[in-house]
PDB file of N, CA and C in Angstrom:
ATOM      1  N   MET A   1       0.712  -1.219  -0.071  1.00  0.00           N
ATOM      2  CA  MET A   1      -0.147   0.013  -0.137  1.00  0.00           C
ATOM      3  C   MET A   1       0.650   1.368  -0.030  1.00  0.00           C
ATOM      4  N   ALA A   2       1.677   1.095   0.794  1.00  0.00           N
ATOM      5  CA  ALA A   2       2.953   2.518   0.661  1.00  0.00           C
ATOM      6  C   ALA A   2       3.433   2.675  -0.593  1.00  0.00           C
ATOM      7  N   GLY A   3       3.763   1.743  -1.343  1.00  0.00           N
ATOM      8  CA  GLY A   3       4.294   1.788  -2.767  1.00  0.00           C
ATOM      9  C   GLY A   3       3.495   2.436  -3.417  1.00  0.00           C
ATOM     10  N   LEU A   4       2.172   2.061  -3.563  1.00  0.00           N
ATOM     11  CA  LEU A   4       1.243   2.540  -4.153  1.00  0.00           C
ATOM     12  C   LEU A   4       0.782   4.183  -4.046  1.00  0.00           C
ATOM     13  N   ALA A   5       0.894   4.408  -2.727  1.00  0.00           N
ATOM     14  CA  ALA A   5       0.960   5.704  -2.271  1.00  0.00           C
ATOM     15  C   ALA A   5       2.291   6.697  -2.595  1.00  0.00           C
ATOM     16  N   VAL A   6       3.174   5.798  -3.014  1.00  0.00           N
ATOM     17  CA  VAL A   6       4.462   6.865  -3.145  1.00  0.00           C
ATOM     18  C   VAL A   6       4.651   6.940  -4.933  1.00  0.00           C
ATOM     19  N   ILE A   7       4.072   5.933  -5.341  1.00  0.00           N
ATOM     20  CA  ILE A   7       3.925   5.967  -6.861  1.00  0.00           C
ATOM     21  C   ILE A   7       2.857   7.156  -7.189  1.00  0.00           C
ATOM     22  N   MET A   8       1.707   7.494  -6.732  1.00  0.00           N
ATOM     23  CA  MET A   8       0.890   8.358  -6.972  1.00  0.00           C
ATOM     24  C   MET A   8       1.062   9.639  -6.676  1.00  0.00           C
ATOM     25  N   PHE A   9       1.891   9.660  -5.493  1.00  0.00           N
ATOM     26  CA  PHE A   9       2.710  10.747  -5.282  1.00  0.00           C
ATOM     27  C   PHE A   9       3.308  11.506  -5.723  1.00  0.00           C
ATOM     28  N   ILE A  10       4.608  10.621  -6.949  1.00  0.00           N
ATOM     29  CA  ILE A  10       5.240  11.170  -7.587  1.00  0.00           C
ATOM     30  C   ILE A  10       4.628  11.757  -9.144  1.00  0.00           C
ATOM     31  N   ALA A  11       3.385  10.790  -9.330  1.00  0.00           N
ATOM     32  CA  ALA A  11       2.841  11.136 -10.402  1.00  0.00           C
ATOM     33  C   ALA A  11       2.090  12.114 -10.465  1.00  0.00           C
ATOM     34  N   LEU A  12       1.431  12.461  -9.410  1.00  0.00           N
ATOM     35  CA  LEU A  12       0.738  14.059  -8.997  1.00  0.00           C
ATOM     36  C   LEU A  12       1.801  14.929  -9.179  1.00  0.00           C
ATOM     37  N   PHE A  13       2.802  14.934  -8.484  1.00  0.00           N
ATOM     38  CA  PHE A  13       3.644  15.730  -8.124  1.00  0.00           C
ATOM     39  C   PHE A  13       4.348  16.382  -9.198  1.00  0.00           C
ATOM     40  N   ALA A  14       4.816  14.947 -10.205  1.00  0.00           N
ATOM     41  CA  ALA A  14       5.409  15.365 -11.620  1.00  0.00           C
ATOM     42  C   ALA A  14       4.671  15.992 -12.414  1.00  0.00           C
ATOM     43  N   PHE A  15       3.127  14.962 -13.028  1.00  0.00           N
ATOM     44  CA  PHE A  15       2.764  15.507 -13.751  1.00  0.00           C
ATOM     45  C   PHE A  15       1.273  15.988 -13.491  1.00  0.00           C
ATOM     46  N   GLY A  16       0.734  16.185 -12.451  1.00  0.00           N
ATOM     47  CA  GLY A  16      -0.445  16.546 -11.999  1.00  0.00           C
ATOM     48  C   GLY A  16      -0.937  17.929 -12.559  1.00  0.00           C
ATOM     49  N   GLY A  17       0.013  18.702 -13.040  1.00  0.00           N
ATOM     50  CA  GLY A  17      -0.864  20.046 -13.953  1.00  0.00           C
ATOM     51  C   GLY A  17      -1.127  19.344 -15.304  1.00  0.00           C
ATOM     52  N   GLU A  18      -0.225  18.664 -15.766  1.00  0.00           N
ATOM     53  CA  GLU A  18      -0.811  18.011 -17.224  1.00  0.00           C
ATOM     54  C   GLU A  18      -2.178  17.273 -17.103  1.00  0.00           C
ATOM     55  N   LEU A  19      -2.043  16.472 -16.097  1.00  0.00           N
ATOM     56  CA  LEU A  19      -3.639  15.264 -15.732  1.00  0.00           C
ATOM     57  C   LEU A  19      -4.542  16.088 -15.446  1.00  0.00           C
ATOM     58  N   MET A  20      -4.359  16.967 -14.248  1.00  0.00           N
ATOM     59  CA  MET A  20      -5.696  17.705 -13.665  1.00  0.00           C
ATOM     60  C   MET A  20      -5.663  18.822 -14.175  1.00  0.00           C
ATOM     61  N   GLY A  21      -4.991  19.430 -14.838  1.00  0.00           N
ATOM     62  CA  GLY A  21      -5.208  20.695 -15.524  1.00  0.00           C
ATOM     63  C   GLY A  21      -5.044  22.046 -14.735  1.00  0.00           C
ATOM     64  N   TRP A  22      -4.148  22.112 -13.821  1.00  0.00           N
ATOM     65  CA  TRP A  22      -3.891  23.066 -12.698  1.00  0.00           C
ATOM     66  C   TRP A  22      -2.686  24.010 -13.735  1.00  0.00           C
ATOM     67  N   ARG A  23      -3.088  24.964 -13.148  1.00  0.00           N
ATOM     68  CA  ARG A  23      -1.624  26.249 -13.286  1.00  0.00           C
ATOM     69  C   ARG A  23      -0.981  26.438 -12.340  1.00  0.00           C
ATOM     70  N   ASP A  24       0.127  26.142 -12.286  1.00  0.00           N
ATOM     71  CA  ASP A  24       0.991  26.549 -10.964  1.00  0.00           C
ATOM     72  C   ASP A  24       2.342  26.986 -11.243  1.00  0.00           C
ATOM     73  N   PRO A  25       2.127  28.197 -11.317  1.00  0.00           N
ATOM     74  CA  PRO A  25       3.513  29.205 -11.864  1.00  0.00           C
ATOM     75  C   PRO A  25       4.276  28.967 -10.828  1.00  0.00           C
ATOM     76  N   ASP A  26       3.930  29.553  -9.648  1.00  0.00           N
ATOM     77  CA  ASP A  26       4.270  29.506  -8.134  1.00  0.00           C
ATOM     78  C   ASP A  26       5.362  28.498  -7.485  1.00  0.00           C
ATOM     79  N   GLY A  27       4.506  27.224  -7.903  1.00  0.00           N
ATOM     80  CA  GLY A  27       5.060  26.086  -7.523  1.00  0.00           C
ATOM     81  C   GLY A  27       4.062  25.506  -5.882  1.00  0.00           C
ATOM     82  N   GLN A  28       3.039  26.597  -5.556  1.00  0.00           N
ATOM     83  CA  GLN A  28       2.434  26.344  -4.514  1.00  0.00           C
ATOM     84  C   GLN A  28       1.474  25.127  -4.470  1.00  0.00           C
ATOM     85  N   VAL A  29       1.056  24.598  -5.776  1.00  0.00           N
ATOM     86  CA  VAL A  29      -0.065  23.624  -5.416  1.00  0.00           C
ATOM     87  C   VAL A  29       1.170  22.258  -5.250  1.00  0.00           C
ATOM     88  N   GLN A  30       2.516  22.285  -5.630  1.00  0.00           N
ATOM     89  CA  GLN A  30       3.298  20.924  -5.714  1.00  0.00           C
ATOM     90  C   GLN A  30       4.049  21.122  -3.866  1.00  0.00           C
ATOM     91  N   LEU A  31       4.183  22.322  -3.552  1.00  0.00           N
ATOM     92  CA  LEU A  31       4.372  22.624  -2.152  1.00  0.00           C
ATOM     93  C   LEU A  31       3.414  21.758  -1.326  1.00  0.00           C
ATOM     94  N   ALA A  32       2.200  22.260  -1.537  1.00  0.00           N
ATOM     95  CA  ALA A  32       0.937  21.710  -0.700  1.00  0.00           C
ATOM     96  C   ALA A  32       0.908  20.197  -1.012  1.00  0.00           C
ATOM     97  N   LEU A  33       1.042  19.599  -2.264  1.00  0.00           N
ATOM     98  CA  LEU A  33       1.370  18.163  -2.247  1.00  0.00           C
ATOM     99  C   LEU A  33       2.057  17.721  -1.560  1.00  0.00           C
ATOM    100  N   PHE A  34       3.178  17.810  -1.586  1.00  0.00           N
ATOM    101  CA  PHE A  34       4.429  17.598  -0.592  1.00  0.00           C
ATOM    102  C   PHE A  34       4.496  17.662   0.592  1.00  0.00           C
ATOM    103  N   MET A  35       3.917  18.814   1.428  1.00  0.00           N
ATOM    104  CA  MET A  35       3.564  19.001   2.565  1.00  0.00           C
ATOM    105  C   MET A  35       2.269  17.963   2.933  1.00  0.00           C
ATOM    106  N   SER A  36       1.290  17.689   2.422  1.00  0.00           N
ATOM    107  CA  SER A  36       0.488  16.698   2.478  1.00  0.00           C
ATOM    108  C   SER A  36       0.784  15.299   2.788  1.00  0.00           C
ATOM    109  N   PHE A  37       1.904  15.042   1.874  1.00  0.00           N
ATOM    110  CA  PHE A  37       2.601  13.666   1.815  1.00  0.00           C
ATOM    111  C   PHE A  37       3.603  13.396   3.372  1.00  0.00           C
ATOM    112  N   LEU A  38       4.306  14.496   3.464  1.00  0.00           N
ATOM    113  CA  LEU A  38       4.938  14.421   4.533  1.00  0.00           C
ATOM    114  C   LEU A  38       4.204  14.608   5.950  1.00  0.00           C
ATOM    115  N   PHE A  39       2.800  15.363   6.086  1.00  0.00           N
ATOM    116  CA  PHE A  39       2.305  14.988   7.163  1.00  0.00           C
ATOM    117  C   PHE A  39       1.743  13.796   7.551  1.00  0.00           C
ATOM    118  N   GLY A  40       1.291  13.188   6.277  1.00  0.00           N
ATOM    119  CA  GLY A  40       0.698  11.913   6.205  1.00  0.00           C
ATOM    120  C   GLY A  40       1.817  10.892   6.986  1.00  0.00           C
ATOM    121  N   ILE A  41       2.908  10.946   6.397  1.00  0.00           N
ATOM    122  CA  ILE A  41       3.883  10.133   6.975  1.00  0.00           C
ATOM    123  C   ILE A  41       4.131  10.055   8.095  1.00  0.00           C
ATOM    124  N   ILE A  42       4.243  11.626   8.924  1.00  0.00           N
ATOM    125  CA  ILE A  42       4.497  11.831  10.257  1.00  0.00           C
ATOM    126  C   ILE A  42       3.485  11.231  10.743  1.00  0.00           C
ATOM    127  N   ALA A  43       1.837  11.307  10.291  1.00  0.00           N
ATOM    128  CA  ALA A  43       0.893  10.680  10.994  1.00  0.00           C
ATOM    129  C   ALA A  43       0.706   9.458  11.203  1.00  0.00           C
ATOM    130  N   ALA A  44       1.310   8.660  10.220  1.00  0.00           N
ATOM    131  CA  ALA A  44       1.316   7.520  10.130  1.00  0.00           C
ATOM    132  C   ALA A  44       2.159   6.881  11.149  1.00  0.00           C
ATOM    133  N   TYR A  45       3.601   7.507  11.220  1.00  0.00           N
ATOM    134  CA  TYR A  45       4.652   7.286  12.175  1.00  0.00           C
ATOM    135  C   TYR A  45       4.086   7.130  13.655  1.00  0.00           C
ATOM    136  N   ARG A  46       3.173   8.177  13.662  1.00  0.00           N
ATOM    137  CA  ARG A  46       2.691   8.665  15.430  1.00  0.00           C
ATOM    138  C   ARG A  46       1.548   7.577  15.669  1.00  0.00           C
ATOM    139  N   ALA A  47       1.133   7.233  14.826  1.00  0.00           N
ATOM    140  CA  ALA A  47      -0.296   6.218  14.891  1.00  0.00           C
ATOM    141  C   ALA A  47       0.476   4.911  15.390  1.00  0.00           C
ATOM    142  N   ARG A  48       1.414   4.698  14.478  1.00  0.00           N
ATOM    143  CA  ARG A  48       2.121   3.296  15.268  1.00  0.00           C
ATOM    144  C   ARG A  48       2.463   3.112  16.351  1.00  0.00           C
ATOM    145  N   GLY A  49       3.372   4.416  17.001  1.00  0.00           N
ATOM    146  CA  GLY A  49       4.472   4.211  17.996  1.00  0.00           C
ATOM    147  C   GLY A  49       3.517   4.807  19.288  1.00  0.00           C
TER     148      GLY A  49
END
């Protein structure tokens, strides 16, 4: 399941603008995607421990 999440994150991060049609000249959407992925990792780590 983690592998699927990583693949989906990379696909959205790299090709999300083309696939979803958003415009991101300042990189704010990519920053939001990265931060949500990072916070998801932190939350999962804390839930296990």
